[in-house]
Amino acid sequence: MKITANAFLAITTAAILALGGTASLAQEQEAIDGCIDQLRAVGGPDGQSGEVISSEFSQAGTLVMIRDAGGSVWRCIGYSDGTVGELAVAQAADDGAGAAAPAATAASAEAGTETVLVKFAKGTTGAELTGRVAPGGSIRYVIGAKNGQFLYARVADNGAGLSYQIFNPDRSFLLEQMRASQEYRGQLWQSGDHVVEVINRGGKAASFNIIIGIE
């Protein structure tokens, strides 16, 4: 059943009322509303409707899980003032096309940062993407992988001086920041979404190619 965007609020309010409390209720609702607004802004047609699966309130930030109209599940960290710290695809819907689906972009707490979900074409173990990152910004490439697999990453920036770093699913470093001229290949020790973040510390926008593979 598809739920209209206007129905988001009614559903989440009912869920929160069941938890009780007044101050935390209002703070959680603000966080949920912020996540919904952000999904509408970046989620394309599918992001205009859907359902809130769950929300977990804390003073540090509310974790909100949303399923959009296309069946993709989004993970959002929202705050009591309605701002969003992170919005990313947690589980992409299978488009059934046998090819990489369009990249999903989402806002991050850090200005100038984008998040891109990486999907491999059917029968392949890697993908090559192009990107352009503004001065002081970054792009985070999210790829699902399992403990024991090997991750390969290579950034070709044509001398732009970019750097990159890799995070484990628990947000600890798999690889601390290094120059794009150095490629990475290493074994993973966690299962879940890994992040390869390309960073531009220069004074002008830079274009690049990135190859990401899982074996």
N, C-alpha and C. Protein backbone atom coordinates (compact mmCIF):
# COMPACT_ATOMS: atom_id res chain seq x y z
N MET A 1 0.84 -1.20 0.00
CA MET A 1 0.00 0.00 0.00
C MET A 1 0.87 1.24 0.00
N LYS A 2 0.63 2.16 -0.93
CA LYS A 2 1.37 3.40 -0.96
C LYS A 2 0.69 4.43 -0.08
N ILE A 3 1.50 5.14 0.67
CA ILE A 3 0.97 6.14 1.58
C ILE A 3 1.41 7.50 1.09
N THR A 4 0.51 8.43 0.97
CA THR A 4 0.87 9.74 0.44
C THR A 4 1.78 10.47 1.39
N ALA A 5 2.51 11.45 0.87
CA ALA A 5 3.43 12.21 1.69
C ALA A 5 2.70 12.89 2.83
N ASN A 6 1.47 13.34 2.60
CA ASN A 6 0.71 14.01 3.65
C ASN A 6 0.37 13.07 4.78
N ALA A 7 0.37 11.76 4.51
CA ALA A 7 0.03 10.79 5.55
C ALA A 7 1.21 10.46 6.45
N PHE A 8 2.42 10.86 6.05
CA PHE A 8 3.59 10.61 6.87
C PHE A 8 3.35 11.09 8.31
N LEU A 9 2.89 12.32 8.44
CA LEU A 9 2.78 12.97 9.75
C LEU A 9 1.81 12.24 10.65
N ALA A 10 0.65 11.85 10.10
CA ALA A 10 -0.35 11.18 10.90
C ALA A 10 0.18 9.86 11.45
N ILE A 11 0.91 9.13 10.62
CA ILE A 11 1.43 7.83 11.03
C ILE A 11 2.46 7.99 12.14
N THR A 12 3.40 8.90 11.94
CA THR A 12 4.46 9.04 12.93
C THR A 12 3.93 9.60 14.24
N THR A 13 2.98 10.52 14.18
CA THR A 13 2.40 11.06 15.40
C THR A 13 1.72 9.97 16.20
N ALA A 14 0.97 9.11 15.54
CA ALA A 14 0.29 8.01 16.24
C ALA A 14 1.29 7.09 16.90
N ALA A 15 2.38 6.81 16.20
CA ALA A 15 3.40 5.92 16.75
C ALA A 15 4.04 6.52 17.98
N ILE A 16 4.32 7.81 17.93
CA ILE A 16 5.00 8.46 19.05
C ILE A 16 4.07 8.59 20.25
N LEU A 17 2.78 8.90 20.00
CA LEU A 17 1.84 9.01 21.11
C LEU A 17 1.76 7.71 21.92
N ALA A 18 1.96 6.60 21.23
CA ALA A 18 1.93 5.31 21.92
C ALA A 18 3.08 5.17 22.90
N LEU A 19 4.16 5.92 22.67
CA LEU A 19 5.32 5.84 23.56
C LEU A 19 5.14 6.67 24.81
N GLY A 20 4.25 7.67 24.74
CA GLY A 20 4.05 8.53 25.88
C GLY A 20 5.12 9.59 25.96
N GLY A 21 4.97 10.52 26.93
CA GLY A 21 5.95 11.58 27.08
C GLY A 21 5.54 12.78 26.27
N THR A 22 6.00 13.97 26.69
CA THR A 22 5.63 15.21 25.99
C THR A 22 6.84 15.87 25.36
N ALA A 23 7.89 16.14 26.16
CA ALA A 23 9.07 16.80 25.60
C ALA A 23 9.74 15.93 24.56
N SER A 24 9.94 14.65 24.90
CA SER A 24 10.59 13.75 23.96
C SER A 24 9.71 13.52 22.74
N LEU A 25 8.38 13.54 22.92
CA LEU A 25 7.46 13.36 21.81
C LEU A 25 7.66 14.48 20.80
N ALA A 26 7.69 15.72 21.27
CA ALA A 26 7.84 16.86 20.38
C ALA A 26 9.19 16.83 19.69
N GLN A 27 10.24 16.49 20.42
CA GLN A 27 11.59 16.46 19.84
C GLN A 27 11.70 15.37 18.78
N GLU A 28 11.11 14.21 19.06
CA GLU A 28 11.16 13.11 18.11
C GLU A 28 10.36 13.46 16.85
N GLN A 29 9.21 14.10 17.04
CA GLN A 29 8.39 14.46 15.90
C GLN A 29 9.12 15.45 14.99
N GLU A 30 9.83 16.41 15.59
CA GLU A 30 10.60 17.37 14.79
C GLU A 30 11.66 16.64 13.96
N ALA A 31 12.33 15.67 14.58
CA ALA A 31 13.36 14.91 13.86
C ALA A 31 12.76 14.12 12.71
N ILE A 32 11.62 13.48 12.95
CA ILE A 32 10.96 12.70 11.91
C ILE A 32 10.50 13.59 10.77
N ASP A 33 9.91 14.73 11.13
CA ASP A 33 9.46 15.66 10.09
C ASP A 33 10.63 16.13 9.23
N GLY A 34 11.77 16.40 9.88
CA GLY A 34 12.94 16.83 9.12
C GLY A 34 13.42 15.75 8.16
N CYS A 35 13.40 14.50 8.60
CA CYS A 35 13.81 13.39 7.73
C CYS A 35 12.86 13.23 6.55
N ILE A 36 11.57 13.36 6.80
CA ILE A 36 10.59 13.25 5.73
C ILE A 36 10.79 14.37 4.71
N ASP A 37 10.98 15.59 5.19
CA ASP A 37 11.19 16.72 4.29
C ASP A 37 12.44 16.52 3.43
N GLN A 38 13.51 15.99 4.07
CA GLN A 38 14.75 15.79 3.33
C GLN A 38 14.59 14.69 2.28
N LEU A 39 13.86 13.63 2.62
CA LEU A 39 13.61 12.56 1.66
C LEU A 39 12.81 13.09 0.47
N ARG A 40 11.81 13.92 0.74
CA ARG A 40 11.05 14.52 -0.34
C ARG A 40 11.95 15.34 -1.27
N ALA A 41 12.94 16.01 -0.66
CA ALA A 41 13.81 16.90 -1.44
C ALA A 41 14.78 16.13 -2.32
N VAL A 42 15.28 14.97 -1.85
CA VAL A 42 16.34 14.28 -2.59
C VAL A 42 15.94 12.92 -3.12
N GLY A 43 14.78 12.42 -2.76
CA GLY A 43 14.42 11.04 -3.09
C GLY A 43 13.72 10.85 -4.41
N GLY A 44 13.55 11.93 -5.18
CA GLY A 44 12.89 11.79 -6.47
C GLY A 44 11.42 11.44 -6.31
N PRO A 45 10.78 10.92 -7.38
CA PRO A 45 9.35 10.59 -7.32
C PRO A 45 9.01 9.60 -6.21
N ASP A 46 9.86 8.60 -6.00
CA ASP A 46 9.58 7.60 -4.96
C ASP A 46 9.62 8.21 -3.56
N GLY A 47 10.39 9.27 -3.39
CA GLY A 47 10.53 9.88 -2.08
C GLY A 47 9.38 10.76 -1.65
N GLN A 48 8.40 10.94 -2.55
CA GLN A 48 7.27 11.80 -2.22
C GLN A 48 6.20 11.08 -1.41
N SER A 49 6.29 9.77 -1.31
CA SER A 49 5.35 9.01 -0.50
C SER A 49 6.05 7.79 0.07
N GLY A 50 5.42 7.17 1.05
CA GLY A 50 6.02 6.01 1.69
C GLY A 50 5.54 5.85 3.11
N GLU A 51 6.34 5.22 3.94
CA GLU A 51 5.95 5.02 5.33
C GLU A 51 7.16 5.04 6.24
N VAL A 52 6.94 5.54 7.46
CA VAL A 52 7.97 5.50 8.49
C VAL A 52 7.92 4.13 9.14
N ILE A 53 9.02 3.40 9.05
CA ILE A 53 9.06 2.04 9.58
C ILE A 53 9.28 2.06 11.09
N SER A 54 10.22 2.89 11.53
CA SER A 54 10.54 2.95 12.96
C SER A 54 11.26 4.25 13.27
N SER A 55 11.29 4.57 14.55
CA SER A 55 12.08 5.70 15.02
C SER A 55 12.58 5.40 16.42
N GLU A 56 13.83 5.77 16.68
CA GLU A 56 14.44 5.53 17.99
C GLU A 56 14.98 6.87 18.50
N PHE A 57 14.33 7.41 19.51
CA PHE A 57 14.69 8.73 20.02
C PHE A 57 15.83 8.66 21.02
N SER A 58 16.74 9.63 20.93
CA SER A 58 17.74 9.87 21.96
C SER A 58 18.08 11.35 21.92
N GLN A 59 18.66 11.85 22.97
CA GLN A 59 19.03 13.27 23.01
C GLN A 59 20.11 13.57 21.97
N ALA A 60 20.89 12.57 21.60
CA ALA A 60 21.96 12.77 20.63
C ALA A 60 21.44 12.83 19.20
N GLY A 61 20.25 12.32 18.96
CA GLY A 61 19.69 12.29 17.61
C GLY A 61 18.73 11.12 17.47
N THR A 62 17.74 11.28 16.63
CA THR A 62 16.72 10.25 16.43
C THR A 62 17.01 9.47 15.15
N LEU A 63 17.07 8.15 15.28
CA LEU A 63 17.26 7.28 14.13
C LEU A 63 15.89 6.95 13.54
N VAL A 64 15.70 7.36 12.29
CA VAL A 64 14.42 7.16 11.61
C VAL A 64 14.63 6.28 10.38
N MET A 65 13.85 5.23 10.25
CA MET A 65 13.89 4.34 9.09
C MET A 65 12.62 4.57 8.28
N ILE A 66 12.78 4.87 6.98
CA ILE A 66 11.66 5.19 6.10
C ILE A 66 11.71 4.32 4.86
N ARG A 67 10.58 3.75 4.47
CA ARG A 67 10.48 3.02 3.20
C ARG A 67 9.74 3.91 2.20
N ASP A 68 10.39 4.20 1.06
CA ASP A 68 9.75 5.07 0.08
C ASP A 68 8.80 4.27 -0.81
N ALA A 69 8.13 4.98 -1.73
CA ALA A 69 7.11 4.35 -2.57
C ALA A 69 7.69 3.29 -3.48
N GLY A 70 8.99 3.37 -3.78
CA GLY A 70 9.63 2.39 -4.63
C GLY A 70 10.13 1.17 -3.90
N GLY A 71 10.01 1.16 -2.57
CA GLY A 71 10.43 0.02 -1.77
C GLY A 71 11.81 0.13 -1.17
N SER A 72 12.55 1.20 -1.47
CA SER A 72 13.87 1.38 -0.87
C SER A 72 13.72 1.87 0.57
N VAL A 73 14.61 1.40 1.43
CA VAL A 73 14.59 1.80 2.84
C VAL A 73 15.71 2.81 3.07
N TRP A 74 15.36 3.92 3.69
CA TRP A 74 16.29 5.00 3.97
C TRP A 74 16.57 5.08 5.47
N ARG A 75 17.83 5.36 5.80
CA ARG A 75 18.25 5.54 7.20
C ARG A 75 18.53 7.02 7.41
N CYS A 76 17.89 7.61 8.40
CA CYS A 76 18.05 9.05 8.63
C CYS A 76 18.36 9.33 10.09
N ILE A 77 19.28 10.26 10.33
CA ILE A 77 19.53 10.77 11.67
C ILE A 77 18.98 12.19 11.71
N GLY A 78 17.95 12.40 12.52
CA GLY A 78 17.33 13.72 12.63
C GLY A 78 17.49 14.28 14.02
N TYR A 79 17.35 15.59 14.13
CA TYR A 79 17.54 16.27 15.42
C TYR A 79 16.28 17.04 15.82
N SER A 80 16.24 17.44 17.08
CA SER A 80 15.03 18.04 17.64
C SER A 80 14.69 19.40 17.05
N ASP A 81 15.63 20.01 16.33
CA ASP A 81 15.33 21.29 15.68
C ASP A 81 14.89 21.11 14.23
N GLY A 82 14.70 19.86 13.80
CA GLY A 82 14.25 19.59 12.45
C GLY A 82 15.34 19.43 11.42
N THR A 83 16.60 19.60 11.81
CA THR A 83 17.70 19.42 10.87
C THR A 83 18.04 17.94 10.74
N VAL A 84 18.75 17.61 9.66
CA VAL A 84 19.10 16.22 9.37
C VAL A 84 20.62 16.09 9.34
N GLY A 85 21.12 15.12 10.09
CA GLY A 85 22.56 14.87 10.11
C GLY A 85 23.01 13.92 9.03
N GLU A 86 22.14 12.99 8.66
CA GLU A 86 22.51 12.00 7.65
C GLU A 86 21.24 11.42 7.05
N LEU A 87 21.23 11.24 5.75
CA LEU A 87 20.16 10.53 5.07
C LEU A 87 20.79 9.68 3.98
N ALA A 88 20.63 8.38 4.05
CA ALA A 88 21.26 7.49 3.08
C ALA A 88 20.39 6.26 2.88
N VAL A 89 20.53 5.64 1.73
CA VAL A 89 19.80 4.41 1.43
C VAL A 89 20.39 3.26 2.25
N ALA A 90 19.56 2.64 3.08
CA ALA A 90 20.01 1.50 3.87
C ALA A 90 19.79 0.19 3.13
N GLN A 91 18.73 0.13 2.32
CA GLN A 91 18.44 -1.07 1.54
C GLN A 91 17.74 -0.63 0.25
N ALA A 92 18.41 -0.80 -0.87
CA ALA A 92 17.85 -0.38 -2.15
C ALA A 92 16.88 -1.42 -2.67
N ALA A 93 15.81 -0.94 -3.29
CA ALA A 93 14.86 -1.85 -3.94
C ALA A 93 15.50 -2.37 -5.22
N ASP A 94 15.24 -3.62 -5.54
CA ASP A 94 15.75 -4.21 -6.76
C ASP A 94 14.96 -3.67 -7.94
N ASP A 95 15.64 -2.97 -8.86
CA ASP A 95 14.93 -2.39 -9.99
C ASP A 95 14.61 -3.41 -11.07
N GLY A 96 15.18 -4.63 -10.97
CA GLY A 96 14.85 -5.69 -11.90
C GLY A 96 15.37 -5.49 -13.30
N ALA A 97 16.22 -4.50 -13.49
CA ALA A 97 16.67 -4.19 -14.84
C ALA A 97 17.97 -4.87 -15.19
N GLY A 98 18.62 -5.48 -14.19
CA GLY A 98 19.89 -6.15 -14.45
C GLY A 98 21.03 -5.19 -14.70
N ALA A 99 20.87 -3.96 -14.27
CA ALA A 99 21.91 -2.95 -14.47
C ALA A 99 21.90 -2.03 -13.28
N ALA A 100 22.94 -1.25 -13.17
CA ALA A 100 23.04 -0.34 -12.04
C ALA A 100 21.89 0.65 -12.08
N ALA A 101 21.23 0.81 -10.94
CA ALA A 101 20.16 1.79 -10.84
C ALA A 101 20.76 3.17 -10.73
N PRO A 102 19.99 4.23 -11.02
CA PRO A 102 20.51 5.58 -10.86
C PRO A 102 21.00 5.80 -9.45
N ALA A 103 22.08 6.52 -9.31
CA ALA A 103 22.65 6.78 -7.99
C ALA A 103 21.68 7.58 -7.15
N ALA A 104 21.60 7.24 -5.86
CA ALA A 104 20.76 7.99 -4.96
C ALA A 104 21.61 8.98 -4.21
N THR A 105 21.17 10.21 -4.18
CA THR A 105 21.91 11.23 -3.48
C THR A 105 21.14 11.67 -2.26
N ALA A 106 21.86 12.03 -1.20
CA ALA A 106 21.20 12.46 0.02
C ALA A 106 22.05 13.47 0.73
N ALA A 107 21.40 14.23 1.59
CA ALA A 107 22.13 15.29 2.29
C ALA A 107 22.86 14.73 3.48
N SER A 108 23.92 15.37 3.86
CA SER A 108 24.68 15.01 5.03
C SER A 108 24.83 16.23 5.90
N ALA A 109 25.23 16.01 7.16
CA ALA A 109 25.39 17.12 8.09
C ALA A 109 26.49 18.07 7.61
N GLU A 110 27.49 17.54 6.96
CA GLU A 110 28.61 18.36 6.51
C GLU A 110 28.25 19.03 5.20
N ALA A 111 28.32 20.39 5.16
CA ALA A 111 27.97 21.12 3.95
C ALA A 111 28.84 20.67 2.80
N GLY A 112 28.24 20.54 1.63
CA GLY A 112 29.01 20.16 0.46
C GLY A 112 29.28 18.68 0.35
N THR A 113 28.61 17.86 1.14
CA THR A 113 28.81 16.42 1.09
C THR A 113 27.60 15.74 0.46
N GLU A 114 27.86 14.80 -0.46
CA GLU A 114 26.80 14.01 -1.06
C GLU A 114 27.04 12.54 -0.72
N THR A 115 25.97 11.77 -0.73
CA THR A 115 26.07 10.32 -0.53
C THR A 115 25.52 9.61 -1.75
N VAL A 116 26.29 8.68 -2.31
CA VAL A 116 25.90 7.96 -3.52
C VAL A 116 25.87 6.47 -3.22
N LEU A 117 24.75 5.84 -3.50
CA LEU A 117 24.63 4.39 -3.34
C LEU A 117 25.21 3.71 -4.58
N VAL A 118 26.17 2.81 -4.39
CA VAL A 118 26.82 2.11 -5.49
C VAL A 118 26.14 0.76 -5.69
N LYS A 119 25.70 0.50 -6.93
CA LYS A 119 25.13 -0.80 -7.28
C LYS A 119 25.88 -1.34 -8.48
N PHE A 120 26.18 -2.62 -8.45
CA PHE A 120 26.87 -3.27 -9.56
C PHE A 120 25.86 -3.81 -10.58
N ALA A 121 26.24 -3.74 -11.84
CA ALA A 121 25.43 -4.40 -12.86
C ALA A 121 25.44 -5.90 -12.59
N LYS A 122 24.36 -6.55 -12.94
CA LYS A 122 24.23 -7.99 -12.67
C LYS A 122 25.37 -8.77 -13.33
N GLY A 123 25.98 -9.65 -12.54
CA GLY A 123 27.07 -10.47 -13.05
C GLY A 123 28.44 -9.83 -12.95
N THR A 124 28.51 -8.64 -12.36
CA THR A 124 29.80 -7.96 -12.21
C THR A 124 30.13 -7.78 -10.74
N THR A 125 31.39 -7.48 -10.45
CA THR A 125 31.83 -7.30 -9.06
C THR A 125 32.41 -5.91 -8.82
N GLY A 126 32.18 -5.00 -9.76
CA GLY A 126 32.72 -3.67 -9.59
C GLY A 126 31.97 -2.65 -10.43
N ALA A 127 32.30 -1.39 -10.21
CA ALA A 127 31.66 -0.30 -10.96
C ALA A 127 32.64 0.85 -11.06
N GLU A 128 32.54 1.58 -12.17
CA GLU A 128 33.31 2.81 -12.34
C GLU A 128 32.33 3.97 -12.46
N LEU A 129 32.56 4.99 -11.65
CA LEU A 129 31.67 6.14 -11.62
C LEU A 129 32.47 7.41 -11.82
N THR A 130 31.80 8.46 -12.26
CA THR A 130 32.44 9.76 -12.38
C THR A 130 31.82 10.70 -11.36
N GLY A 131 32.60 11.64 -10.88
CA GLY A 131 32.10 12.58 -9.90
C GLY A 131 32.74 13.94 -10.05
N ARG A 132 32.12 14.90 -9.45
CA ARG A 132 32.67 16.25 -9.41
C ARG A 132 32.40 16.80 -8.02
N VAL A 133 33.45 17.23 -7.34
CA VAL A 133 33.32 17.66 -5.95
C VAL A 133 33.78 19.11 -5.81
N ALA A 134 33.00 19.89 -5.11
CA ALA A 134 33.27 21.31 -4.93
C ALA A 134 34.40 21.52 -3.92
N PRO A 135 35.01 22.69 -3.90
CA PRO A 135 36.06 22.97 -2.91
C PRO A 135 35.53 22.80 -1.49
N GLY A 136 36.27 22.06 -0.68
CA GLY A 136 35.87 21.82 0.70
C GLY A 136 34.80 20.78 0.87
N GLY A 137 34.35 20.18 -0.23
CA GLY A 137 33.28 19.19 -0.16
C GLY A 137 33.77 17.77 -0.28
N SER A 138 32.85 16.85 -0.27
CA SER A 138 33.20 15.43 -0.42
C SER A 138 32.00 14.67 -0.97
N ILE A 139 32.29 13.48 -1.50
CA ILE A 139 31.24 12.57 -1.95
C ILE A 139 31.49 11.22 -1.29
N ARG A 140 30.45 10.68 -0.68
CA ARG A 140 30.55 9.40 0.01
C ARG A 140 29.88 8.31 -0.82
N TYR A 141 30.66 7.31 -1.20
CA TYR A 141 30.16 6.18 -1.98
C TYR A 141 29.89 5.02 -1.03
N VAL A 142 28.64 4.59 -0.99
CA VAL A 142 28.20 3.55 -0.05
C VAL A 142 28.08 2.22 -0.80
N ILE A 143 28.76 1.20 -0.29
CA ILE A 143 28.74 -0.12 -0.94
C ILE A 143 28.55 -1.20 0.12
N GLY A 144 27.58 -2.06 -0.09
CA GLY A 144 27.36 -3.16 0.85
C GLY A 144 28.34 -4.30 0.60
N ALA A 145 28.91 -4.84 1.67
CA ALA A 145 29.87 -5.94 1.55
C ALA A 145 29.86 -6.75 2.84
N LYS A 146 30.49 -7.93 2.77
CA LYS A 146 30.47 -8.84 3.91
C LYS A 146 31.86 -9.04 4.49
N ASN A 147 31.87 -9.38 5.76
CA ASN A 147 33.11 -9.72 6.45
C ASN A 147 33.85 -10.81 5.67
N GLY A 148 35.15 -10.58 5.43
CA GLY A 148 35.96 -11.55 4.72
C GLY A 148 36.14 -11.26 3.24
N GLN A 149 35.26 -10.43 2.68
CA GLN A 149 35.43 -10.05 1.28
C GLN A 149 36.56 -9.01 1.15
N PHE A 150 36.99 -8.78 -0.09
CA PHE A 150 38.03 -7.80 -0.35
C PHE A 150 37.44 -6.59 -1.07
N LEU A 151 37.86 -5.42 -0.63
CA LEU A 151 37.42 -4.16 -1.23
C LEU A 151 38.57 -3.55 -2.02
N TYR A 152 38.26 -3.12 -3.24
CA TYR A 152 39.24 -2.41 -4.06
C TYR A 152 38.70 -1.03 -4.36
N ALA A 153 39.55 0.00 -4.22
CA ALA A 153 39.15 1.37 -4.52
C ALA A 153 40.30 2.09 -5.20
N ARG A 154 39.97 2.81 -6.25
CA ARG A 154 40.96 3.61 -6.97
C ARG A 154 40.32 4.90 -7.45
N VAL A 155 40.94 6.03 -7.13
CA VAL A 155 40.43 7.34 -7.53
C VAL A 155 41.41 7.97 -8.51
N ALA A 156 40.92 8.31 -9.70
CA ALA A 156 41.74 8.97 -10.72
C ALA A 156 41.28 10.43 -10.81
N ASP A 157 42.08 11.35 -10.30
CA ASP A 157 41.65 12.74 -10.21
C ASP A 157 42.37 13.67 -11.18
N ASN A 158 43.15 13.09 -12.10
CA ASN A 158 43.85 13.90 -13.12
C ASN A 158 44.67 15.03 -12.51
N GLY A 159 45.34 14.71 -11.40
CA GLY A 159 46.23 15.68 -10.78
C GLY A 159 45.55 16.75 -9.95
N ALA A 160 44.27 16.55 -9.61
CA ALA A 160 43.53 17.57 -8.85
C ALA A 160 43.89 17.60 -7.37
N GLY A 161 44.61 16.57 -6.90
CA GLY A 161 45.03 16.57 -5.50
C GLY A 161 43.96 16.15 -4.52
N LEU A 162 43.03 15.31 -4.95
CA LEU A 162 41.99 14.82 -4.05
C LEU A 162 42.56 13.77 -3.09
N SER A 163 41.81 13.50 -2.04
CA SER A 163 42.16 12.42 -1.11
C SER A 163 40.89 11.62 -0.84
N TYR A 164 41.07 10.47 -0.18
CA TYR A 164 39.89 9.67 0.17
C TYR A 164 40.15 8.90 1.45
N GLN A 165 39.06 8.44 2.06
CA GLN A 165 39.13 7.63 3.28
C GLN A 165 38.00 6.63 3.23
N ILE A 166 38.14 5.53 3.99
CA ILE A 166 37.16 4.45 3.95
C ILE A 166 36.68 4.15 5.37
N PHE A 167 35.36 4.03 5.52
CA PHE A 167 34.77 3.75 6.82
C PHE A 167 34.14 2.36 6.84
N ASN A 168 34.25 1.70 7.99
CA ASN A 168 33.53 0.45 8.24
C ASN A 168 32.05 0.76 8.51
N PRO A 169 31.19 -0.26 8.52
CA PRO A 169 29.77 -0.04 8.83
C PRO A 169 29.54 0.61 10.19
N ASP A 170 30.42 0.38 11.16
CA ASP A 170 30.24 1.00 12.47
C ASP A 170 30.83 2.41 12.54
N ARG A 171 31.25 2.94 11.38
CA ARG A 171 31.79 4.30 11.22
C ARG A 171 33.23 4.45 11.74
N SER A 172 33.86 3.35 12.10
CA SER A 172 35.29 3.41 12.41
C SER A 172 36.06 3.42 11.09
N PHE A 173 37.34 3.81 11.15
CA PHE A 173 38.14 3.87 9.93
C PHE A 173 38.58 2.48 9.49
N LEU A 174 38.33 2.15 8.24
CA LEU A 174 39.00 1.03 7.61
C LEU A 174 40.32 1.53 7.02
N LEU A 175 40.28 2.75 6.49
CA LEU A 175 41.47 3.39 5.93
C LEU A 175 41.38 4.88 6.22
N GLU A 176 42.38 5.41 6.92
CA GLU A 176 42.41 6.84 7.18
C GLU A 176 42.82 7.58 5.91
N GLN A 177 42.56 8.87 5.90
CA GLN A 177 42.69 9.68 4.70
C GLN A 177 44.05 9.52 4.01
N MET A 178 44.01 9.28 2.70
CA MET A 178 45.22 9.14 1.92
C MET A 178 45.02 9.79 0.55
N ARG A 179 46.09 10.07 -0.15
CA ARG A 179 46.00 10.74 -1.44
C ARG A 179 45.39 9.83 -2.49
N ALA A 180 44.69 10.45 -3.44
CA ALA A 180 44.01 9.69 -4.48
C ALA A 180 44.97 8.91 -5.36
N SER A 181 46.23 9.30 -5.40
CA SER A 181 47.21 8.62 -6.25
C SER A 181 47.52 7.21 -5.75
N GLN A 182 47.11 6.88 -4.53
CA GLN A 182 47.35 5.55 -3.96
C GLN A 182 46.06 4.74 -3.98
N GLU A 183 46.08 3.58 -4.63
CA GLU A 183 44.90 2.74 -4.64
C GLU A 183 44.85 1.88 -3.39
N TYR A 184 43.67 1.31 -3.11
CA TYR A 184 43.50 0.50 -1.91
C TYR A 184 42.91 -0.86 -2.29
N ARG A 185 43.45 -1.90 -1.66
CA ARG A 185 42.85 -3.23 -1.71
C ARG A 185 43.09 -3.90 -0.37
N GLY A 186 42.02 -4.31 0.29
CA GLY A 186 42.18 -4.92 1.60
C GLY A 186 40.97 -5.76 1.98
N GLN A 187 41.17 -6.64 2.95
CA GLN A 187 40.09 -7.53 3.39
C GLN A 187 39.23 -6.83 4.43
N LEU A 188 37.94 -7.06 4.35
CA LEU A 188 36.98 -6.44 5.26
C LEU A 188 36.76 -7.31 6.49
N TRP A 189 36.44 -6.68 7.60
CA TRP A 189 36.21 -7.43 8.83
C TRP A 189 34.86 -7.11 9.47
N GLN A 190 34.00 -6.44 8.72
CA GLN A 190 32.63 -6.21 9.17
C GLN A 190 31.70 -6.42 7.98
N SER A 191 30.46 -6.72 8.28
CA SER A 191 29.43 -6.84 7.24
C SER A 191 28.51 -5.63 7.31
N GLY A 192 28.12 -5.12 6.14
CA GLY A 192 27.23 -3.96 6.11
C GLY A 192 27.70 -2.93 5.11
N ASP A 193 27.20 -1.71 5.26
CA ASP A 193 27.52 -0.63 4.32
C ASP A 193 28.87 0.00 4.65
N HIS A 194 29.80 -0.12 3.72
CA HIS A 194 31.10 0.54 3.82
C HIS A 194 31.05 1.84 3.01
N VAL A 195 31.83 2.82 3.41
CA VAL A 195 31.80 4.14 2.77
C VAL A 195 33.19 4.52 2.29
N VAL A 196 33.31 4.82 0.99
CA VAL A 196 34.53 5.39 0.43
C VAL A 196 34.24 6.87 0.19
N GLU A 197 34.89 7.74 0.94
CA GLU A 197 34.63 9.18 0.85
C GLU A 197 35.76 9.89 0.12
N VAL A 198 35.43 10.53 -1.00
CA VAL A 198 36.39 11.31 -1.78
C VAL A 198 36.29 12.76 -1.32
N ILE A 199 37.44 13.36 -1.00
CA ILE A 199 37.47 14.67 -0.35
C ILE A 199 38.26 15.66 -1.19
N ASN A 200 37.75 16.87 -1.30
CA ASN A 200 38.44 17.95 -2.02
C ASN A 200 38.82 19.04 -1.04
N ARG A 201 40.10 19.12 -0.71
CA ARG A 201 40.59 20.18 0.18
C ARG A 201 41.21 21.33 -0.60
N GLY A 202 41.07 21.29 -1.92
CA GLY A 202 41.65 22.32 -2.76
C GLY A 202 40.75 23.55 -2.87
N GLY A 203 41.17 24.49 -3.71
CA GLY A 203 40.45 25.74 -3.83
C GLY A 203 39.52 25.81 -5.02
N LYS A 204 39.41 24.73 -5.79
CA LYS A 204 38.51 24.74 -6.93
C LYS A 204 37.88 23.37 -7.11
N ALA A 205 36.76 23.34 -7.83
CA ALA A 205 36.06 22.09 -8.07
C ALA A 205 36.93 21.13 -8.87
N ALA A 206 36.76 19.84 -8.61
CA ALA A 206 37.58 18.82 -9.27
C ALA A 206 36.72 17.67 -9.74
N SER A 207 36.99 17.19 -10.95
CA SER A 207 36.33 16.01 -11.50
C SER A 207 37.22 14.79 -11.32
N PHE A 208 36.62 13.62 -11.25
CA PHE A 208 37.40 12.40 -11.03
C PHE A 208 36.60 11.19 -11.48
N ASN A 209 37.29 10.08 -11.64
CA ASN A 209 36.70 8.76 -11.83
C ASN A 209 37.03 7.93 -10.61
N ILE A 210 36.11 7.09 -10.20
CA ILE A 210 36.39 6.18 -9.08
C ILE A 210 35.95 4.77 -9.46
N ILE A 211 36.84 3.81 -9.20
CA ILE A 211 36.54 2.40 -9.42
C ILE A 211 36.41 1.74 -8.06
N ILE A 212 35.30 1.04 -7.85
CA ILE A 212 35.07 0.32 -6.59
C ILE A 212 34.70 -1.11 -6.93
N GLY A 213 35.38 -2.06 -6.29
CA GLY A 213 35.11 -3.47 -6.53
C GLY A 213 35.05 -4.26 -5.24
N ILE A 214 34.26 -5.32 -5.24
CA ILE A 214 34.15 -6.23 -4.11
C ILE A 214 34.38 -7.64 -4.62
N GLU A 215 35.28 -8.36 -3.99
CA GLU A 215 35.57 -9.75 -4.39
C GLU A 215 35.34 -10.67 -3.21
